[in-house]
Protein backbone atom coordinates (compact mmCIF):
# COMPACT_ATOMS: atom_id res chain seq x y z
CA MET A 1 -8.12 -0.37 47.46
CA ASN A 2 -6.13 -2.85 49.96
CA SER A 3 -5.15 -0.98 52.13
CA LEU A 4 -7.31 -0.96 55.52
CA ARG A 5 -9.00 2.06 56.67
CA ILE A 6 -8.15 2.94 60.38
CA ASP A 7 -10.39 6.09 61.04
CA ALA A 8 -13.51 6.16 62.33
CA GLU A 9 -15.67 8.57 59.99
CA PRO A 10 -18.20 7.24 57.96
CA ALA A 11 -18.24 6.25 54.37
CA VAL A 12 -21.88 7.17 53.93
CA VAL A 13 -24.27 9.97 55.08
CA ALA A 14 -27.46 9.24 56.88
CA ASP A 15 -30.17 10.07 53.95
CA MET A 16 -31.39 7.19 52.59
CA HIS A 17 -34.37 6.05 50.44
CA HIS A 18 -36.51 3.46 51.51
CA ILE A 19 -37.39 0.82 48.91
CA ASP A 20 -40.74 -1.33 50.52
CA SER A 21 -42.51 -3.90 48.68
CA ALA A 22 -44.31 -1.40 45.82
CA ALA A 23 -40.86 -0.15 45.20
CA LEU A 24 -39.57 -3.50 44.69
CA ALA A 25 -42.26 -4.72 43.03
CA ASP A 26 -41.61 -1.66 40.47
CA LEU A 27 -38.53 -2.46 40.12
CA ALA A 28 -38.57 -5.74 38.93
CA LEU A 29 -41.24 -4.49 36.20
CA GLY A 30 -38.39 -2.05 35.39
CA ALA A 31 -35.32 -4.25 35.86
CA ALA A 32 -36.98 -6.89 33.53
CA PHE A 33 -37.13 -4.32 30.70
CA LEU A 34 -33.52 -3.32 30.74
CA GLY A 35 -32.55 -6.28 31.01
CA SER A 36 -32.41 -6.45 26.84
CA GLY A 37 -33.91 -10.31 27.48
CA GLY A 38 -31.59 -11.22 30.32
CA GLY A 39 -29.99 -10.70 33.57
CA GLY A 40 -32.42 -13.38 34.74
CA ASP A 41 -36.34 -13.03 35.49
CA PRO A 42 -36.54 -10.97 38.76
CA TYR A 43 -39.82 -13.29 40.05
CA HIS A 44 -37.80 -15.19 42.16
CA ASN A 45 -35.78 -12.35 43.66
CA ARG A 46 -38.97 -10.28 44.50
CA LEU A 47 -40.43 -13.38 46.49
CA LEU A 48 -37.22 -13.06 48.32
CA GLY A 49 -36.70 -9.59 48.84
CA GLU A 50 -40.80 -9.42 50.07
CA ALA A 51 -39.41 -12.09 52.33
CA GLN A 52 -36.75 -9.64 53.90
CA ILE A 53 -38.67 -6.79 53.79
CA ALA A 54 -41.25 -8.91 56.07
CA ARG A 55 -38.39 -9.57 58.41
CA ARG A 56 -36.00 -6.81 58.49
CA GLY A 57 -38.24 -3.94 57.39
CA PRO A 58 -37.62 -1.81 53.89
CA PHE A 59 -33.68 -1.74 51.93
CA GLU A 60 -32.28 1.00 52.06
CA MET A 61 -30.64 2.99 49.22
CA ILE A 62 -28.40 5.96 48.55
CA GLY A 63 -26.95 8.25 45.91
CA LEU A 64 -23.45 8.33 44.53
CA ASP A 65 -23.05 11.79 46.38
CA GLN A 66 -23.62 10.10 49.37
CA LEU A 67 -20.69 8.41 49.46
CA ALA A 68 -16.84 9.26 51.16
CA ASP A 69 -14.24 9.15 49.00
CA ASP A 70 -12.81 6.64 50.24
CA ALA A 71 -15.77 3.46 50.74
CA LEU A 72 -15.18 0.66 49.81
CA VAL A 73 -18.08 -0.17 46.84
CA VAL A 74 -19.04 -3.38 45.73
CA PRO A 75 -20.75 -4.75 42.89
CA CYS A 76 -22.17 -7.87 42.69
CA GLY A 77 -24.43 -10.33 40.57
CA TRP A 78 -25.15 -13.83 39.26
CA ILE A 79 -23.20 -15.29 36.29
CA GLY A 80 -24.52 -18.28 33.93
CA ALA A 81 -26.98 -18.96 31.99
CA PRO A 82 -30.66 -17.90 32.60
CA THR A 83 -31.82 -21.46 31.27
CA VAL A 84 -30.24 -22.77 34.34
CA SER A 85 -31.42 -20.16 36.74
CA ILE A 86 -34.72 -20.89 36.29
CA GLU A 87 -34.38 -24.48 37.73
CA LYS A 88 -31.52 -24.13 40.26
CA LEU A 89 -32.41 -22.19 42.76
CA PRO A 90 -30.18 -20.24 45.34
CA ASN A 91 -29.59 -21.32 49.21
CA GLY A 92 -29.64 -17.13 50.29
CA ARG A 93 -25.63 -17.18 51.16
CA GLU A 94 -24.16 -17.13 47.89
CA ALA A 95 -23.98 -13.10 47.87
CA PRO A 96 -22.79 -12.90 51.99
CA GLN A 97 -20.38 -15.40 51.71
CA GLY A 98 -18.90 -13.90 48.75
CA LEU A 99 -18.84 -10.66 50.18
CA ARG A 100 -17.23 -10.85 53.43
CA ARG A 101 -14.46 -12.96 51.53
CA LEU A 102 -14.08 -9.87 49.46
CA GLU A 103 -14.06 -7.75 53.13
CA GLN A 104 -11.02 -10.59 54.19
CA ILE A 105 -9.05 -10.07 51.44
CA LEU A 106 -9.28 -5.99 51.30
CA GLY A 107 -8.53 -5.99 55.27
CA ARG A 108 -11.80 -3.69 55.76
CA ARG A 109 -15.57 -3.84 55.41
CA ILE A 110 -17.73 -3.10 52.36
CA ASP A 111 -19.35 -0.07 52.68
CA ALA A 112 -22.46 -0.50 49.92
CA VAL A 113 -23.05 -2.64 47.34
CA LEU A 114 -24.49 -2.13 43.44
CA PRO A 115 -25.74 -4.27 40.94
CA ILE A 116 -22.87 -4.76 38.44
CA GLU A 117 -26.27 -4.62 36.27
CA ILE A 118 -29.47 -3.09 36.47
CA GLY A 119 -31.30 -5.86 34.28
CA GLY A 120 -33.26 -8.65 35.26
CA GLY A 121 -33.03 -10.20 38.30
CA ASN A 122 -29.21 -8.67 38.57
CA GLY A 123 -31.08 -5.44 38.90
CA LEU A 124 -32.82 -6.91 42.58
CA ALA A 125 -30.17 -8.95 43.78
CA PRO A 126 -27.97 -6.79 45.51
CA PHE A 127 -31.11 -5.62 47.83
CA LEU A 128 -30.79 -8.98 49.41
CA ALA A 129 -27.48 -8.96 49.73
CA ALA A 130 -27.21 -5.18 51.33
CA ALA A 131 -29.43 -6.22 53.95
CA GLU A 132 -27.65 -9.97 55.10
CA MET A 133 -24.30 -7.32 55.40
CA GLY A 134 -26.03 -4.47 56.93
CA VAL A 135 -24.81 -1.88 54.18
CA PRO A 136 -26.97 0.06 51.45
CA VAL A 137 -27.59 -0.19 48.27
CA LEU A 138 -26.14 2.38 45.35
CA ASP A 139 -28.83 4.02 42.82
CA ALA A 140 -26.49 3.21 40.71
CA ASP A 141 -25.48 0.14 38.17
CA GLY A 142 -22.57 -0.91 36.13
CA MET A 143 -23.80 -1.16 32.67
CA ALA A 144 -27.32 0.82 32.36
CA ARG A 145 -28.62 -2.24 30.93
CA ALA A 146 -27.86 -6.72 31.23
CA PHE A 147 -24.49 -8.03 28.77
CA PRO A 148 -23.53 -11.63 28.37
CA GLU A 149 -19.68 -10.69 29.47
CA SER A 150 -18.60 -9.62 33.19
CA GLN A 151 -15.71 -7.21 30.92
CA MET A 152 -18.78 -5.38 29.41
CA SER A 153 -19.11 -2.85 32.57
CA ILE A 154 -18.72 0.80 32.23
CA PHE A 155 -15.77 -0.17 35.16
CA SER A 156 -13.58 -2.09 32.60
CA ILE A 157 -14.45 -0.16 29.72
CA HIS A 158 -12.47 2.81 31.70
CA GLY A 159 -9.78 0.31 32.76
CA LEU A 160 -10.46 -0.84 36.20
CA SER A 161 -9.80 -4.32 37.12
CA ALA A 162 -12.28 -6.66 37.93
CA CYS A 163 -10.56 -8.82 40.46
CA PRO A 164 -10.07 -9.68 42.79
CA SER A 165 -13.36 -11.28 42.74
CA VAL A 166 -15.20 -13.71 44.54
CA MET A 167 -17.39 -16.52 42.92
CA THR A 168 -19.51 -18.64 45.14
CA ASP A 169 -22.51 -20.95 44.46
CA SER A 170 -25.64 -23.08 46.38
CA SER A 171 -23.04 -25.83 48.09
CA GLY A 172 -20.87 -23.39 49.64
CA ALA A 173 -18.27 -23.81 47.35
CA LEU A 174 -16.02 -20.20 46.85
CA ALA A 175 -13.39 -19.32 44.30
CA VAL A 176 -11.01 -16.19 44.32
CA ILE A 177 -9.88 -15.18 41.10
CA GLU A 178 -6.74 -12.87 40.73
CA THR A 179 -5.67 -11.55 37.18
CA ASN A 180 -4.47 -8.35 35.62
CA ASP A 181 -7.07 -9.20 32.21
CA ASN A 182 -10.50 -8.55 32.53
CA HIS A 183 -11.31 -10.89 29.30
CA MET A 184 -9.10 -13.66 31.54
CA HIS A 185 -11.18 -12.66 34.54
CA GLU A 186 -14.62 -13.44 32.24
CA ARG A 187 -13.02 -16.57 30.79
CA MET A 188 -12.26 -17.71 34.27
CA ALA A 189 -15.65 -16.93 35.72
CA ARG A 190 -17.55 -18.52 33.46
CA ALA A 191 -15.63 -22.15 33.28
CA LEU A 192 -16.21 -21.91 36.97
CA SER A 193 -20.06 -21.21 36.64
CA MET A 194 -20.16 -24.32 34.54
CA VAL A 195 -18.59 -26.47 37.48
CA MET A 196 -21.08 -24.34 39.92
CA GLY A 197 -23.77 -25.70 38.09
CA GLY A 198 -24.00 -23.43 35.52
CA ASP A 199 -25.22 -20.51 37.96
CA ALA A 200 -22.98 -18.65 40.52
CA HIS A 201 -23.06 -15.73 42.41
CA MET A 202 -19.97 -13.05 42.09
CA THR A 203 -18.60 -9.91 43.54
CA GLU A 204 -16.62 -8.03 40.76
CA TYR A 205 -14.66 -4.45 40.47
CA PRO A 206 -14.66 -3.42 44.28
CA LEU A 207 -13.76 0.24 43.74
CA THR A 208 -13.54 3.50 45.88
CA GLY A 209 -16.26 6.13 46.38
CA LYS A 210 -14.60 8.47 44.04
CA GLN A 211 -14.54 5.83 41.48
CA ALA A 212 -18.35 5.11 41.88
CA ARG A 213 -19.40 8.81 41.17
CA ASP A 214 -16.88 9.37 38.60
CA LEU A 215 -17.43 5.93 36.53
CA ALA A 216 -20.96 4.08 37.52
CA ILE A 217 -24.39 5.19 35.37
CA PRO A 218 -26.03 7.48 38.10
CA GLY A 219 -29.82 6.70 39.28
CA SER A 220 -30.52 3.58 37.55
CA ILE A 221 -32.08 1.61 40.01
CA SER A 222 -34.56 5.08 40.51
CA THR A 223 -34.89 5.00 37.13
CA ALA A 224 -36.36 1.19 36.80
CA ILE A 225 -38.33 1.71 39.56
CA ALA A 226 -40.11 4.86 37.99
CA ILE A 227 -40.46 2.79 34.64
CA GLY A 228 -42.19 0.09 36.39
CA ALA A 229 -44.46 2.37 38.48
CA ALA A 230 -45.64 3.82 35.14
CA ILE A 231 -46.54 0.27 33.74
CA ARG A 232 -48.20 0.06 36.78
CA ARG A 233 -50.28 3.05 36.91
CA ALA A 234 -50.93 2.75 33.34
CA ARG A 235 -52.67 -0.51 33.85
CA ALA A 236 -54.63 0.19 36.86
CA GLU A 237 -56.10 3.13 34.77
CA GLY A 238 -56.74 1.34 31.71
CA GLU A 239 -53.91 3.30 30.02
CA ASP A 240 -51.69 2.51 26.83
CA VAL A 241 -49.41 0.74 28.67
CA PHE A 242 -46.46 0.46 26.12
CA ALA A 243 -47.15 4.72 25.82
CA ALA A 244 -46.23 4.98 29.24
CA LEU A 245 -43.33 3.05 28.70
CA TYR A 246 -41.76 4.95 26.15
CA ALA A 247 -42.71 8.48 28.16
CA ALA A 248 -41.24 7.01 31.15
CA LEU A 249 -38.14 5.45 29.23
CA ARG A 250 -37.74 9.11 27.55
CA ALA A 251 -38.06 10.86 30.89
CA SER A 252 -35.83 9.37 32.77
CA GLY A 253 -32.63 11.12 30.54
CA LEU A 254 -30.66 7.84 30.39
CA TYR A 255 -33.04 6.27 27.35
CA PRO A 256 -33.40 9.33 25.64
CA PHE A 257 -35.48 7.39 22.73
CA ALA A 258 -38.32 4.34 22.62
CA GLY A 259 -40.62 2.90 20.40
CA GLU A 260 -41.84 0.00 19.29
CA LEU A 261 -40.33 -2.32 16.85
CA PHE A 262 -42.48 -5.04 15.54
CA ASP A 263 -45.64 -7.07 16.92
CA GLY A 264 -46.54 -10.40 16.16
CA LYS A 265 -46.55 -13.80 16.99
CA ILE A 266 -43.69 -16.35 17.89
CA VAL A 267 -43.54 -19.14 15.08
CA ASP A 268 -40.27 -20.24 15.60
CA LEU A 269 -37.31 -20.78 18.26
CA GLU A 270 -33.72 -22.08 18.59
CA ARG A 271 -32.34 -21.82 21.85
CA GLU A 272 -29.45 -24.01 24.04
CA THR A 273 -27.49 -23.82 26.68
CA ARG A 274 -24.06 -23.78 25.30
CA ASP A 275 -20.70 -22.50 27.25
CA GLY A 276 -22.02 -21.29 30.07
CA PHE A 277 -24.82 -19.05 27.75
CA ALA A 278 -28.13 -19.47 26.59
CA ILE A 279 -27.90 -18.84 22.96
CA GLY A 280 -30.29 -18.75 20.04
CA ARG A 281 -32.82 -16.96 17.88
CA VAL A 282 -36.35 -16.15 17.71
CA VAL A 283 -38.80 -15.84 14.82
CA ILE A 284 -41.50 -13.52 14.98
CA ASP A 285 -44.68 -13.29 12.45
CA GLY A 286 -46.07 -10.14 12.11
CA PHE A 287 -50.02 -8.74 12.72
CA GLY A 288 -51.69 -6.44 9.89
CA GLY A 289 -48.50 -7.85 7.04
CA GLN A 290 -45.92 -6.62 8.81
CA GLY A 291 -43.89 -9.07 7.59
CA ARG A 292 -41.57 -10.89 9.70
CA MET A 293 -38.82 -10.26 12.76
CA GLU A 294 -35.63 -12.35 13.71
CA LEU A 295 -34.00 -11.69 16.52
CA ASP A 296 -30.09 -13.16 17.56
CA PHE A 297 -30.06 -13.64 21.89
CA GLN A 298 -26.23 -14.24 24.00
CA ASN A 299 -28.87 -14.40 27.31
CA GLU A 300 -29.65 -10.92 25.81
CA ASN A 301 -31.28 -10.08 22.32
CA LEU A 302 -28.38 -8.36 20.23
CA PHE A 303 -29.89 -7.91 16.63
CA ALA A 304 -33.06 -7.19 15.50
CA ARG A 305 -34.32 -7.93 12.16
CA ARG A 306 -37.22 -7.21 9.89
CA ASP A 307 -37.70 -8.49 6.44
CA GLY A 308 -34.02 -9.45 6.74
CA VAL A 309 -33.08 -5.57 7.44
CA ILE A 310 -31.29 -4.85 10.92
CA CYS A 311 -33.52 -2.33 13.14
CA ALA A 312 -31.69 -2.67 16.33
CA MET A 313 -28.22 -3.67 17.53
CA VAL A 314 -26.65 -3.98 20.98
CA PRO A 315 -25.75 -1.79 22.98
CA ASP A 316 -29.49 -0.51 22.53
CA ILE A 317 -32.26 -2.14 24.01
CA ILE A 318 -34.27 -4.67 22.69
CA THR A 319 -36.72 -6.41 24.96
CA ILE A 320 -39.58 -8.76 23.89
CA MET A 321 -42.87 -8.25 26.22
CA ASP A 322 -46.49 -9.52 26.33
CA ARG A 323 -48.58 -7.33 23.43
CA GLU A 324 -51.62 -7.68 26.59
CA THR A 325 -49.59 -6.98 30.26
CA ALA A 326 -46.72 -5.67 28.68
CA ASP A 327 -44.68 -8.20 31.35
CA SER A 328 -41.19 -8.05 29.85
CA ILE A 329 -40.16 -12.13 28.37
CA THR A 330 -36.76 -12.80 29.27
CA THR A 331 -34.76 -15.23 26.75
CA ASP A 332 -35.19 -18.12 28.62
CA ARG A 333 -39.07 -17.71 28.73
CA LEU A 334 -39.44 -17.57 25.33
CA ARG A 335 -42.22 -19.61 23.94
CA TYR A 336 -43.73 -20.74 20.69
CA GLY A 337 -47.29 -19.10 19.91
CA GLN A 338 -46.40 -16.23 22.61
CA ARG A 339 -48.14 -12.81 21.25
CA VAL A 340 -45.63 -10.10 21.39
CA LYS A 341 -44.61 -6.66 21.10
CA VAL A 342 -40.60 -5.82 20.60
CA VAL A 343 -39.72 -2.90 21.75
CA GLY A 344 -36.61 -0.53 21.75
CA ALA A 345 -34.81 1.79 23.43
CA ALA A 346 -31.64 3.88 23.40
CA ALA A 347 -28.56 2.83 25.48
CA PRO A 348 -27.21 5.88 27.42
CA GLN A 349 -24.49 7.92 25.35
CA THR A 350 -22.08 6.57 27.85
CA LEU A 351 -22.36 2.97 26.27
CA ARG A 352 -22.22 4.61 22.72
CA THR A 353 -18.60 6.29 23.09
CA GLU A 354 -15.51 4.43 20.59
CA LYS A 355 -13.72 3.14 23.73
CA ALA A 356 -17.05 1.47 24.75
CA LEU A 357 -18.05 -0.32 21.61
CA ARG A 358 -14.84 -1.78 21.06
CA LEU A 359 -15.94 -4.01 24.20
CA ILE A 360 -19.64 -3.59 24.03
CA GLY A 361 -20.55 -2.89 20.53
CA PRO A 362 -22.02 -4.93 17.36
CA ALA A 363 -18.53 -6.18 16.32
CA VAL A 364 -17.57 -7.79 19.21
CA PHE A 365 -20.64 -10.30 18.71
CA GLY A 366 -19.81 -10.80 14.84
CA PHE A 367 -21.81 -7.72 13.03
CA ALA A 368 -19.49 -6.41 10.92
CA ASP A 369 -20.95 -3.47 9.41
CA GLY A 370 -20.86 -1.47 12.35
CA TYR A 371 -22.72 0.60 15.16
CA VAL A 372 -26.18 2.46 14.08
CA PRO A 373 -28.35 3.85 16.56
CA ILE A 374 -31.61 2.81 16.93
CA GLU A 375 -33.38 6.03 16.54
CA THR A 376 -31.57 6.05 13.05
CA LEU A 377 -32.29 2.93 11.81
CA ASN A 378 -35.95 3.69 12.87
CA ALA A 379 -36.67 7.30 11.91
CA TRP A 380 -37.13 8.24 15.41
CA GLY A 381 -37.25 11.62 16.84
């Protein structure tokens, strides 16, 4: 990874998909759902993306099969507490500053970028970075959703190092992290994000084109776009928006089971920014005698209990949505009195292996009884 490529062969082929404003809006809808309550609200990145498209034209996206084996591919995104990110806006230079510093470290140009996580605003952020760098975005990501910690990526699960990693903030500060331990990388990055005001941009897990093909979650961006498009069309045609969402998730091939977990009104909310995370609990009283649901979150929704009995758990997706519009509500935007549906979706199988669950399963977040798939807990399928 540290060698300078001196040949003139292109690292990507020319066949590209163009992401215009309509596709970007669909991506924002789909990524918001896949964030499981986290990843940051996509609204601001969508506005920045639309401005970029107006200036430069559509974004370019390529498939994993369009990468040369020795291409340099870099995942990137934002780290910090979502409760901070909605108030501390970026200056727009953080991502290219970090990516160019990584190019200096590795002694070569970056050939493509991808989201470290498809969920929330981080699903859109690499498009802004790619436009500034003049490179395409890969139709893939590193988590198939959003997770609260850096080492919870598919790349870390399969033993890749997060380093060298570069963090930047809106003041122009830059920090390079070098460690062989991905858990240590997360601790260092989290501490730096707090020093940087609770929100910072990070490049991490630089990898080759071959490693990206072998490990990245394929098609996750186009899947998010398809999910958003299904919601948009159902709204326009007066159809059942949630039925359209479930159908799109099942059709994706990545999220084979999906459905409603609860329907009610938020009656209690505890939320605090602690140790670089938004941590808390939300209580929802059900309509039609459904009882009560409680959800625990750490940036993302982690566990859902219906009348005290667990009905969904990480790594499966748990998203709180406006029951009228089907807008996904990130954990930083939860409010007392919101009328919501809680929707669940099965995580891709690659996140359910024994190796993966050691890093992203419920035991990591203090649930001792072990992982049970959402479709088993709810008798779906």
